[in-house]
N, C-alpha and C. Protein backbone atom coordinates (compact mmCIF):
# COMPACT_ATOMS: atom_id res chain seq x y z
N MET A 1 34.02 -10.05 0.01
CA MET A 1 32.43 -9.58 0.27
C MET A 1 32.06 -8.65 -0.53
N GLN A 2 30.94 -8.68 -0.73
CA GLN A 2 30.20 -7.55 -1.42
C GLN A 2 28.79 -7.52 -1.26
N ILE A 3 28.26 -6.34 -0.64
CA ILE A 3 26.83 -6.37 -0.76
C ILE A 3 26.24 -5.35 -1.54
N PHE A 4 24.97 -5.60 -2.00
CA PHE A 4 24.48 -5.01 -3.07
C PHE A 4 22.61 -4.99 -2.72
N VAL A 5 22.16 -3.68 -3.19
CA VAL A 5 20.89 -3.84 -2.68
C VAL A 5 19.93 -3.87 -3.99
N ILE A 6 18.70 -4.39 -3.83
CA ILE A 6 17.76 -4.59 -4.73
C ILE A 6 16.79 -3.70 -4.55
N ASN A 7 16.90 -2.67 -5.36
CA ASN A 7 16.06 -1.75 -5.29
C ASN A 7 15.05 -1.33 -6.70
N THR A 8 13.95 -2.46 -6.32
CA THR A 8 12.83 -2.22 -7.71
C THR A 8 11.92 -1.77 -7.11
N PRO A 9 11.12 -0.52 -7.21
CA PRO A 9 10.35 -0.12 -6.40
C PRO A 9 8.81 -0.73 -7.35
N ILE A 10 7.70 -0.55 -6.59
CA ILE A 10 6.51 -1.11 -7.19
C ILE A 10 6.32 -0.70 -8.59
N ASN A 11 6.66 0.83 -9.22
CA ASN A 11 6.31 0.79 -10.38
C ASN A 11 7.44 2.09 -10.63
N PRO A 12 8.62 1.93 -11.22
CA PRO A 12 9.64 2.62 -11.42
C PRO A 12 9.14 4.01 -12.18
N GLU A 13 8.19 4.35 -12.76
CA GLU A 13 7.67 5.38 -12.97
C GLU A 13 6.82 6.46 -12.13
N LEU A 14 6.52 5.76 -10.94
CA LEU A 14 5.71 6.44 -9.89
C LEU A 14 6.83 7.16 -9.03
N SER A 15 6.49 8.32 -8.82
CA SER A 15 7.54 8.62 -7.58
C SER A 15 6.65 8.31 -6.01
N VAL A 16 7.37 8.28 -4.85
CA VAL A 16 6.92 8.07 -3.82
C VAL A 16 7.03 8.85 -2.72
N ILE A 17 6.46 9.12 -1.57
CA ILE A 17 6.93 9.40 -0.39
C ILE A 17 7.13 8.81 0.68
N ILE A 18 8.16 8.68 0.94
CA ILE A 18 8.08 7.57 2.28
C ILE A 18 7.94 7.82 3.43
N TRP A 19 7.34 7.18 4.23
CA TRP A 19 6.79 7.90 5.73
C TRP A 19 7.88 7.95 6.36
N LYS A 20 7.96 9.50 7.08
CA LYS A 20 8.67 9.65 7.95
C LYS A 20 8.05 10.77 9.14
N LYS A 21 8.57 10.64 10.17
CA LYS A 21 7.82 11.24 11.31
C LYS A 21 7.86 12.86 10.98
N THR A 22 8.60 13.40 10.47
CA THR A 22 8.72 14.84 10.32
C THR A 22 7.97 15.14 9.03
N ARG A 23 7.45 14.41 8.28
CA ARG A 23 6.68 14.78 6.94
C ARG A 23 5.33 14.48 6.98
N VAL A 24 4.45 15.33 6.91
CA VAL A 24 2.95 14.95 6.93
C VAL A 24 2.54 15.23 5.30
N LEU A 25 1.12 14.85 5.21
CA LEU A 25 0.57 14.77 3.85
C LEU A 25 0.17 16.06 3.62
N LYS A 26 0.28 16.86 2.79
CA LYS A 26 -0.35 18.03 1.66
C LYS A 26 -1.14 17.91 0.87
N TRP A 27 -2.32 18.81 0.34
CA TRP A 27 -3.27 18.25 -0.50
C TRP A 27 -2.35 18.62 -1.95
N VAL A 28 -1.09 19.17 -1.85
CA VAL A 28 -0.43 19.61 -3.29
C VAL A 28 0.22 18.02 -3.53
N ASP A 29 0.25 17.00 -2.54
CA ASP A 29 0.60 15.51 -2.77
C ASP A 29 0.00 14.79 -3.28
N PHE A 30 -1.57 15.11 -3.63
CA PHE A 30 -2.40 14.47 -4.35
C PHE A 30 -2.18 15.00 -5.78
N LYS A 31 -1.88 14.28 -6.72
CA LYS A 31 -1.68 14.73 -8.04
C LYS A 31 -2.68 14.37 -8.98
N LYS A 32 -3.26 13.32 -9.09
CA LYS A 32 -4.09 12.68 -9.48
C LYS A 32 -5.43 13.33 -9.91
N LYS A 33 -5.83 13.05 -11.04
CA LYS A 33 -7.20 13.76 -11.46
C LYS A 33 -8.30 13.02 -10.77
N PRO A 34 -9.25 13.97 -9.91
CA PRO A 34 -10.14 13.38 -9.07
C PRO A 34 -11.00 12.65 -9.70
N ASP A 35 -11.55 11.43 -9.17
CA ASP A 35 -12.39 10.51 -9.63
C ASP A 35 -14.25 10.80 -9.63
N LEU A 36 -14.61 11.61 -10.59
CA LEU A 36 -15.87 12.50 -10.44
C LEU A 36 -16.98 11.07 -10.18
N LYS A 37 -16.73 10.28 -10.43
CA LYS A 37 -18.03 9.00 -10.07
C LYS A 37 -17.65 8.61 -8.97
N SER A 38 -16.90 8.93 -8.09
CA SER A 38 -16.64 8.30 -6.51
C SER A 38 -17.47 8.93 -5.70
N LYS A 39 -17.98 8.44 -4.78
CA LYS A 39 -18.65 9.23 -3.62
C LYS A 39 -17.46 9.63 -2.93
N ALA A 40 -16.25 9.20 -2.63
CA ALA A 40 -15.14 9.67 -1.88
C ALA A 40 -14.91 11.06 -2.13
N SER A 41 -14.50 11.82 -1.49
CA SER A 41 -14.02 13.36 -1.48
C SER A 41 -12.41 13.38 -1.65
N ALA A 42 -11.67 12.03 -1.42
CA ALA A 42 -10.49 12.17 -1.41
C ALA A 42 -9.69 10.31 -1.36
N SER A 43 -8.61 10.27 -2.20
CA SER A 43 -8.26 8.70 -2.38
C SER A 43 -6.83 8.74 -2.21
N SER A 44 -6.32 8.04 -1.03
CA SER A 44 -4.79 8.04 -0.78
C SER A 44 -4.48 6.48 -1.50
N ALA A 45 -3.21 6.66 -2.24
CA ALA A 45 -2.46 5.38 -2.39
C ALA A 45 -1.59 5.17 -1.78
N ILE A 46 -1.50 3.81 -1.23
CA ILE A 46 -0.72 3.63 -0.12
C ILE A 46 0.03 2.16 -0.46
N GLY A 47 1.14 2.04 -0.33
CA GLY A 47 1.92 0.82 -0.71
C GLY A 47 3.03 0.53 0.22
N PHE A 48 3.79 -0.35 -0.02
CA PHE A 48 4.87 -0.54 0.38
C PHE A 48 6.04 -1.12 -0.30
N GLU A 49 7.56 -0.57 0.07
CA GLU A 49 8.28 -1.04 -0.77
C GLU A 49 9.48 -1.73 0.21
N SER A 50 10.31 -2.80 -0.15
CA SER A 50 11.16 -3.57 0.70
C SER A 50 12.45 -3.56 -0.15
N LYS A 51 13.70 -3.22 0.60
CA LYS A 51 14.87 -3.35 -0.34
C LYS A 51 15.94 -4.58 0.35
N PRO A 52 16.05 -5.66 0.01
CA PRO A 52 16.99 -6.56 0.67
C PRO A 52 18.42 -5.93 0.08
N PHE A 53 19.07 -6.16 1.43
CA PHE A 53 20.29 -6.09 1.24
C PHE A 53 21.10 -7.50 1.31
N ILE A 54 21.82 -7.79 -0.17
CA ILE A 54 22.27 -9.26 -0.32
C ILE A 54 23.73 -9.15 -0.34
N GLU A 55 24.58 -10.16 0.57
CA GLU A 55 25.39 -10.33 0.94
C GLU A 55 26.21 -11.21 -0.57
N HIS A 56 27.10 -11.10 -0.93
CA HIS A 56 28.04 -11.93 -1.84
C HIS A 56 29.27 -12.14 -1.58
N ILE A 57 29.64 -13.46 -1.36
CA ILE A 57 30.71 -13.86 -0.96
C ILE A 57 31.51 -14.67 -1.97
N LYS A 58 32.51 -14.65 -2.60
CA LYS A 58 33.26 -15.47 -3.50
C LYS A 58 34.13 -16.39 -2.75
N VAL A 59 34.11 -17.69 -2.66
CA VAL A 59 34.76 -18.66 -1.89
C VAL A 59 35.38 -19.77 -3.18
N GLY A 60 36.65 -19.58 -3.52
CA GLY A 60 37.43 -20.15 -4.51
C GLY A 60 36.30 -19.80 -5.71
N ASN A 61 35.99 -20.95 -6.61
CA ASN A 61 35.40 -20.66 -7.45
C ASN A 61 33.72 -20.93 -7.50
N LYS A 62 32.79 -20.75 -6.02
CA LYS A 62 32.00 -20.64 -5.65
C LYS A 62 31.23 -19.38 -5.17
N PHE A 63 29.94 -19.27 -5.18
CA PHE A 63 29.66 -17.94 -4.84
C PHE A 63 28.43 -18.12 -3.84
N LYS A 64 28.65 -17.44 -2.65
CA LYS A 64 27.37 -17.80 -1.89
C LYS A 64 26.76 -16.31 -1.60
N PHE A 65 25.32 -16.37 -1.56
CA PHE A 65 24.49 -15.35 -1.16
C PHE A 65 23.76 -15.22 -0.57
N LYS A 66 23.60 -14.14 0.35
CA LYS A 66 22.29 -14.41 1.45
C LYS A 66 21.96 -13.22 1.54
N ILE A 67 20.45 -12.86 2.10
CA ILE A 67 19.72 -11.85 2.57
C ILE A 67 20.47 -11.25 3.89
N LYS A 68 21.22 -10.07 3.66
CA LYS A 68 21.95 -9.70 4.83
C LYS A 68 21.06 -8.72 5.99
N ASP A 69 20.19 -8.32 5.22
CA ASP A 69 18.94 -7.42 5.95
C ASP A 69 17.95 -6.86 4.85
N MET A 70 16.83 -6.51 5.49
CA MET A 70 15.53 -6.01 4.58
C MET A 70 15.24 -5.01 5.45
N GLN A 71 15.06 -3.57 4.33
CA GLN A 71 14.69 -2.64 4.73
C GLN A 71 13.23 -2.40 4.14
N LEU A 72 12.14 -1.81 5.16
CA LEU A 72 10.89 -2.06 5.04
C LEU A 72 10.46 -0.19 5.00
N ASN A 73 9.42 0.14 4.11
CA ASN A 73 9.10 1.39 4.13
C ASN A 73 7.47 1.51 3.74
N ALA A 74 6.83 2.15 4.67
CA ALA A 74 5.50 2.36 3.82
C ALA A 74 5.47 3.94 2.96
N VAL A 75 5.01 3.51 2.07
CA VAL A 75 4.78 4.90 0.86
C VAL A 75 3.49 5.43 0.54
N PHE A 76 3.35 6.62 -0.01
CA PHE A 76 2.36 7.25 -0.32
C PHE A 76 2.85 7.56 -1.89
N ILE A 77 1.72 7.16 -2.62
CA ILE A 77 2.12 7.28 -3.86
C ILE A 77 1.07 8.68 -4.48
N PRO A 78 1.76 9.86 -5.03
CA PRO A 78 1.10 10.89 -5.10
C PRO A 78 0.40 10.96 -6.36
N ASP A 79 1.03 10.15 -7.19
CA ASP A 79 0.20 10.38 -8.92
C ASP A 79 -1.13 9.19 -8.76
N LEU A 80 -1.44 8.61 -8.14
CA LEU A 80 -2.13 7.44 -7.61
C LEU A 80 -3.43 8.14 -6.88
N SER A 81 -3.21 9.45 -6.19
CA SER A 81 -3.68 10.01 -5.09
C SER A 81 -4.76 11.12 -5.61
N TRP A 82 -5.55 11.52 -5.16
CA TRP A 82 -6.55 12.42 -5.51
C TRP A 82 -7.40 12.80 -4.79
N VAL A 83 -7.97 14.28 -4.87
CA VAL A 83 -8.82 14.90 -3.80
C VAL A 83 -9.96 15.71 -4.88
N MET A 84 -11.09 15.76 -4.09
CA MET A 84 -11.86 16.75 -4.79
C MET A 84 -11.54 18.22 -4.55
N LYS A 85 -11.76 19.12 -5.58
CA LYS A 85 -11.22 20.12 -5.50
C LYS A 85 -12.52 21.39 -4.72
N ASN A 86 -13.77 20.80 -4.41
CA ASN A 86 -14.79 21.73 -4.01
C ASN A 86 -14.93 21.57 -2.19
N ILE A 87 -13.91 21.04 -1.73
CA ILE A 87 -14.28 20.66 -0.39
C ILE A 87 -13.75 22.16 0.25
N SER A 88 -14.86 22.47 1.50
CA SER A 88 -14.69 23.30 2.17
C SER A 88 -13.45 23.39 3.17
N LYS A 89 -12.82 24.39 3.50
CA LYS A 89 -11.89 24.76 4.58
C LYS A 89 -12.20 24.00 5.71
N LYS A 90 -13.13 23.78 6.47
CA LYS A 90 -13.33 23.07 7.55
C LYS A 90 -13.01 22.03 7.18
N ASN A 91 -13.86 20.98 6.38
CA ASN A 91 -14.01 19.86 5.90
C ASN A 91 -12.62 19.26 5.51
N SER A 92 -11.80 20.39 4.78
CA SER A 92 -10.36 19.92 4.09
C SER A 92 -9.49 19.51 5.21
N LYS A 93 -9.61 20.19 6.31
CA LYS A 93 -8.42 20.16 7.37
C LYS A 93 -8.49 18.53 7.80
N SER A 94 -9.83 18.46 8.13
CA SER A 94 -10.08 17.09 9.19
C SER A 94 -10.20 15.90 7.78
N LEU A 95 -10.44 15.98 6.66
CA LEU A 95 -10.31 15.36 5.55
C LEU A 95 -8.72 14.80 5.38
N LEU A 96 -8.04 15.77 5.33
CA LEU A 96 -6.31 15.46 5.18
C LEU A 96 -5.90 14.84 6.42
N LYS A 97 -6.56 15.00 7.39
CA LYS A 97 -6.00 14.30 8.62
C LYS A 97 -6.40 12.82 8.59
N HIS A 98 -7.52 12.58 8.32
CA HIS A 98 -8.12 11.37 7.63
C HIS A 98 -6.97 10.68 6.60
N GLU A 99 -7.10 11.20 5.94
CA GLU A 99 -6.13 10.51 5.17
C GLU A 99 -4.43 10.41 5.44
N GLN A 100 -4.11 11.11 6.19
CA GLN A 100 -3.01 11.13 6.73
C GLN A 100 -2.86 9.80 7.70
N GLY A 101 -3.73 9.29 8.25
CA GLY A 101 -4.39 8.40 9.22
C GLY A 101 -4.05 7.09 8.24
N HIS A 102 -4.41 7.08 7.08
CA HIS A 102 -4.15 5.73 6.23
C HIS A 102 -2.80 5.30 6.00
N PHE A 103 -1.91 6.60 5.72
CA PHE A 103 -0.54 6.46 5.87
C PHE A 103 0.10 6.16 7.05
N ASP A 104 -0.44 6.70 8.36
CA ASP A 104 0.23 6.34 9.32
C ASP A 104 -0.11 4.69 9.53
N LEU A 105 -1.46 4.43 9.33
CA LEU A 105 -1.76 2.98 9.44
C LEU A 105 -0.72 2.09 8.84
N ALA A 106 -0.35 2.49 7.79
CA ALA A 106 0.90 1.73 6.78
C ALA A 106 1.80 1.79 7.38
N GLU A 107 2.33 2.72 8.20
CA GLU A 107 3.61 2.99 9.05
C GLU A 107 3.63 1.95 10.24
N GLU A 108 2.28 1.94 10.69
CA GLU A 108 2.34 1.27 12.21
C GLU A 108 2.37 -0.31 11.37
N ILE A 109 1.66 -0.83 10.35
CA ILE A 109 1.95 -2.23 10.01
C ILE A 109 3.55 -2.38 9.65
N THR A 110 4.01 -1.23 9.05
CA THR A 110 5.78 -1.74 8.65
C THR A 110 6.33 -1.62 9.91
N ARG A 111 6.11 -0.88 11.12
CA ARG A 111 6.93 -0.95 12.23
C ARG A 111 6.78 -2.40 12.85
N LYS A 112 5.87 -3.00 12.78
CA LYS A 112 5.30 -4.36 13.49
C LYS A 112 5.91 -5.47 12.58
N THR A 113 6.21 -5.17 11.44
CA THR A 113 6.61 -6.36 10.54
C THR A 113 7.87 -6.17 10.57
N ARG A 114 8.93 -4.70 10.62
CA ARG A 114 9.95 -5.00 10.50
C ARG A 114 11.04 -5.74 11.73
N THR A 115 10.28 -5.92 12.67
CA THR A 115 11.05 -6.83 13.81
C THR A 115 10.44 -8.27 13.28
N SER A 116 9.73 -8.73 12.67
CA SER A 116 9.22 -10.22 12.25
C SER A 116 10.59 -10.38 11.09
N ALA A 117 10.49 -9.42 10.12
CA ALA A 117 11.15 -9.39 8.82
C ALA A 117 12.77 -9.66 9.53
N THR A 118 13.04 -8.76 10.22
CA THR A 118 14.46 -8.73 10.47
C THR A 118 15.16 -10.02 11.07
N ASN A 119 14.19 -10.62 11.73
CA ASN A 119 14.19 -12.04 11.91
C ASN A 119 13.99 -13.12 10.76
N ARG A 120 12.84 -13.01 9.93
CA ARG A 120 12.98 -14.05 8.99
C ARG A 120 13.77 -13.78 7.71
N PHE A 121 14.91 -12.65 7.59
CA PHE A 121 15.58 -12.19 6.61
C PHE A 121 17.00 -12.14 6.62
N HIS A 122 17.13 -11.97 8.22
CA HIS A 122 18.64 -11.67 8.51
C HIS A 122 19.64 -12.78 8.21
N ASP A 123 20.54 -12.66 7.36
CA ASP A 123 21.66 -13.64 7.19
C ASP A 123 20.72 -15.06 6.46
N ARG A 124 19.56 -14.67 5.73
CA ARG A 124 18.98 -15.87 5.11
C ARG A 124 19.83 -16.14 3.87
N PRO A 125 20.06 -17.31 3.81
CA PRO A 125 21.03 -17.83 2.73
C PRO A 125 19.96 -18.08 1.45
N LEU A 126 20.62 -17.72 0.16
CA LEU A 126 20.12 -17.89 -0.92
C LEU A 126 20.77 -18.94 -1.54
N ASN A 127 19.98 -20.09 -2.19
CA ASN A 127 20.70 -21.09 -2.98
C ASN A 127 20.42 -20.91 -4.12
N VAL A 128 21.77 -20.46 -4.75
CA VAL A 128 21.65 -19.88 -6.49
C VAL A 128 22.11 -20.84 -7.17
N LYS A 129 21.62 -20.73 -8.21
CA LYS A 129 22.32 -21.71 -9.46
C LYS A 129 22.74 -20.69 -10.40
N GLY A 130 23.46 -21.33 -11.13
CA GLY A 130 24.52 -20.39 -11.93
C GLY A 130 25.55 -21.21 -12.22
N LYS A 131 26.28 -20.84 -13.59
CA LYS A 131 27.56 -21.78 -13.97
C LYS A 131 28.84 -20.91 -13.86
N ASN A 132 28.37 -19.43 -13.83
CA ASN A 132 29.23 -18.05 -13.31
C ASN A 132 28.67 -17.53 -12.18
N GLU A 133 30.03 -16.48 -12.11
CA GLU A 133 29.44 -15.41 -11.18
C GLU A 133 27.92 -14.49 -11.69
N ASP A 134 28.24 -14.14 -12.92
CA ASP A 134 26.93 -13.38 -13.09
C ASP A 134 25.35 -14.01 -13.22
N MET A 135 25.56 -15.60 -13.51
CA MET A 135 24.27 -15.99 -13.64
C MET A 135 23.84 -16.48 -12.12
N ALA A 136 24.91 -16.37 -11.18
CA ALA A 136 24.65 -16.91 -9.87
C ALA A 136 24.12 -15.72 -8.90
N LYS A 137 24.34 -14.21 -9.44
CA LYS A 137 23.77 -12.72 -9.20
C LYS A 137 22.63 -12.88 -9.70
N LYS A 138 22.42 -12.85 -10.63
CA LYS A 138 21.14 -13.11 -11.33
C LYS A 138 19.89 -13.69 -10.92
N ASP A 139 20.38 -15.17 -10.29
CA ASP A 139 19.62 -16.01 -9.79
C ASP A 139 19.36 -15.22 -8.37
N ALA A 140 20.00 -15.05 -7.60
CA ALA A 140 20.37 -14.51 -5.99
C ALA A 140 18.95 -13.32 -6.38
N VAL A 141 19.32 -12.27 -7.44
CA VAL A 141 18.51 -11.37 -7.47
C VAL A 141 17.10 -11.67 -7.96
N LEU A 142 16.78 -12.93 -8.50
CA LEU A 142 15.31 -13.57 -8.83
C LEU A 142 15.04 -13.50 -7.52
N GLN A 143 15.44 -14.62 -6.83
CA GLN A 143 14.99 -14.98 -5.90
C GLN A 143 14.72 -13.99 -4.28
N ALA A 144 15.54 -13.09 -4.60
CA ALA A 144 15.26 -12.09 -3.52
C ALA A 144 13.97 -11.33 -3.96
N THR A 145 13.97 -11.12 -5.22
CA THR A 145 12.64 -10.47 -5.93
C THR A 145 11.36 -11.02 -5.53
N GLY A 146 11.72 -12.15 -5.64
CA GLY A 146 10.30 -13.11 -5.14
C GLY A 146 10.01 -12.99 -4.01
N ILE A 147 10.78 -12.89 -2.62
CA ILE A 147 10.79 -12.75 -1.33
C ILE A 147 10.17 -11.49 -1.03
N ARG A 148 10.70 -10.49 -1.89
CA ARG A 148 10.15 -8.80 -1.64
C ARG A 148 8.83 -8.90 -1.92
N ARG A 149 8.45 -9.47 -3.20
CA ARG A 149 6.87 -9.34 -3.62
C ARG A 149 6.27 -9.94 -2.73
N LYS A 150 6.56 -11.34 -1.94
CA LYS A 150 5.67 -12.26 -1.04
C LYS A 150 5.42 -11.00 0.18
N LEU A 151 6.55 -10.64 0.78
CA LEU A 151 6.48 -9.73 1.60
C LEU A 151 5.48 -8.58 1.34
N GLU A 152 5.60 -7.72 0.47
CA GLU A 152 4.87 -6.76 0.18
C GLU A 152 3.14 -6.88 -0.07
N ASP A 153 3.26 -8.09 -0.11
CA ASP A 153 1.64 -8.44 -0.40
C ASP A 153 1.30 -9.04 0.93
N GLU A 154 2.06 -9.55 1.58
CA GLU A 154 1.75 -9.68 2.75
C GLU A 154 1.36 -8.39 3.71
N LEU A 155 2.04 -7.45 3.56
CA LEU A 155 1.97 -6.31 3.93
C LEU A 155 0.85 -5.71 3.41
N GLN A 156 0.45 -5.45 2.37
CA GLN A 156 -0.88 -4.91 1.72
C GLN A 156 -2.23 -5.56 1.96
N LYS A 157 -1.99 -6.95 2.22
CA LYS A 157 -3.30 -7.61 2.35
C LYS A 157 -3.44 -6.84 4.26
N GLU A 158 -2.68 -7.18 4.87
CA GLU A 158 -2.73 -7.01 6.40
C GLU A 158 -3.23 -5.08 6.45
N PHE A 159 -2.57 -4.49 5.33
CA PHE A 159 -3.41 -2.96 5.25
C PHE A 159 -4.66 -2.88 4.77
N LYS A 160 -4.88 -3.48 4.05
CA LYS A 160 -6.30 -3.42 3.55
C LYS A 160 -7.06 -3.80 4.47
N ASN A 161 -6.80 -4.76 5.26
CA ASN A 161 -8.00 -5.28 6.45
C ASN A 161 -7.79 -4.12 7.45
N GLN A 162 -6.95 -3.88 7.85
CA GLN A 162 -6.85 -2.73 8.90
C GLN A 162 -7.54 -1.16 8.52
N GLU A 163 -7.29 -0.78 7.03
CA GLU A 163 -7.70 0.10 6.35
C GLU A 163 -9.29 -0.01 6.21
N THR A 164 -9.87 -1.27 6.28
CA THR A 164 -11.30 -1.15 6.00
C THR A 164 -12.01 -0.84 7.54
N ARG A 165 -11.14 -1.42 8.66
CA ARG A 165 -11.74 -1.36 9.96
C ARG A 165 -11.41 0.40 10.17
N TYR A 166 -10.40 0.91 10.18
CA TYR A 166 -10.34 2.38 10.27
C TYR A 166 -11.62 3.19 9.75
N ASP A 167 -11.81 2.97 8.30
CA ASP A 167 -12.64 3.59 7.63
C ASP A 167 -14.26 3.13 8.02
N ASP A 168 -14.43 1.86 8.31
CA ASP A 168 -15.70 1.95 9.00
C ASP A 168 -15.95 2.41 10.31
N LYS A 169 -14.82 2.32 11.19
CA LYS A 169 -15.27 2.85 12.79
C LYS A 169 -15.34 4.50 12.44
N THR A 170 -14.49 4.88 11.70
CA THR A 170 -14.53 6.49 11.71
C THR A 170 -15.62 7.07 10.85
N ASN A 171 -16.18 6.44 10.08
CA ASN A 171 -16.67 6.50 8.88
C ASN A 171 -16.17 7.55 7.66
N HIS A 172 -15.01 6.98 7.50
CA HIS A 172 -13.97 7.96 6.52
C HIS A 172 -13.81 9.02 7.38
N GLY A 173 -13.66 9.13 8.58
CA GLY A 173 -13.05 10.20 9.27
C GLY A 173 -14.43 11.32 9.51
N LEU A 174 -15.71 10.73 9.33
CA LEU A 174 -16.92 11.68 9.94
C LEU A 174 -17.34 11.74 11.20
N ILE A 175 -17.11 10.46 12.30
CA ILE A 175 -17.37 10.42 13.39
C ILE A 175 -16.29 10.63 14.23
N THR A 176 -16.18 11.83 14.50
CA THR A 176 -14.85 12.65 15.06
C THR A 176 -14.32 12.13 16.72
N GLU A 177 -15.20 11.53 17.20
CA GLU A 177 -14.89 10.42 18.33
C GLU A 177 -13.88 9.86 18.05
N TYR A 178 -14.37 8.88 17.39
CA TYR A 178 -13.36 7.76 16.53
C TYR A 178 -12.15 8.06 15.76
N GLN A 179 -12.11 9.16 15.42
CA GLN A 179 -11.17 9.55 14.08
C GLN A 179 -10.00 10.63 15.25
N GLU A 180 -10.80 11.03 16.25
CA GLU A 180 -9.66 11.62 17.47
C GLU A 180 -8.88 10.37 18.02
N LYS A 181 -9.57 9.27 18.38
CA LYS A 181 -8.83 8.44 19.09
C LYS A 181 -7.59 7.62 18.01
N TYR A 182 -7.97 7.49 16.81
CA TYR A 182 -7.03 7.29 15.88
C TYR A 182 -5.95 8.35 15.71
N ASN A 183 -5.91 9.47 15.69
CA ASN A 183 -5.19 10.25 15.69
C ASN A 183 -4.50 10.53 16.72
N LYS A 184 -4.82 10.07 17.75
CA LYS A 184 -3.91 10.07 19.29
C LYS A 184 -3.17 8.67 19.01
N ARG A 185 -3.49 7.86 18.77
CA ARG A 185 -2.83 6.38 18.49
C ARG A 185 -1.86 7.09 17.66
N PHE A 186 -2.06 7.54 16.30
CA PHE A 186 -1.02 7.96 15.47
C PHE A 186 0.03 8.77 15.60
N GLU A 187 -0.24 9.75 16.67
CA GLU A 187 0.54 10.72 17.30
C GLU A 187 1.83 10.06 17.58
N LYS A 188 1.55 8.95 18.23
CA LYS A 188 2.80 8.29 19.11
C LYS A 188 3.59 7.98 18.00
N LEU A 189 3.46 7.64 16.56
CA LEU A 189 4.04 7.14 15.58
C LEU A 189 5.39 8.50 15.65
N ARG A 190 5.02 9.80 15.61
CA ARG A 190 5.98 10.87 15.59
C ARG A 190 7.08 11.10 16.79
N VAL A 191 6.83 10.61 17.58
CA VAL A 191 7.46 10.68 19.01
C VAL A 191 9.03 10.42 18.97
């Protein structure tokens, strides 16, 4: 028996920050040049990455593959995130908190999905084709990559829906009362 991980990030050239309860965003994390045409003061690029752990069992001349587990992470993409440079110190702190909220929202969605993903993917068999072990393994990787992409698309769709509600409800962080409600909700993620 052999277990291997498919680790193919969204874009291998881009580095990401994986959400952790001990790590909060800083303005230095926003590395992209600001969009001067935008009405926004900042933009956070948030995504999801999944890593299937595939079990490979050789039985005689047959090869069996199954997804043993699926790791999910909310990620922040520094090279696609930006902030305007002319923000006052007062507005800077609240805006950064709002941008952190986008990342926290993605983590909330990830946590809810982890449970269902574990049930959906734990010990999920892959019906592989291939005349030899290498071809069978390539087919397993191809199938798992398709499953990964579908899962990440589902997460991104849910995130976009909730992100729109978050921005509408808080008016992009300007309605302090609603932003504080979200901040309290997100604080629970760090316990």
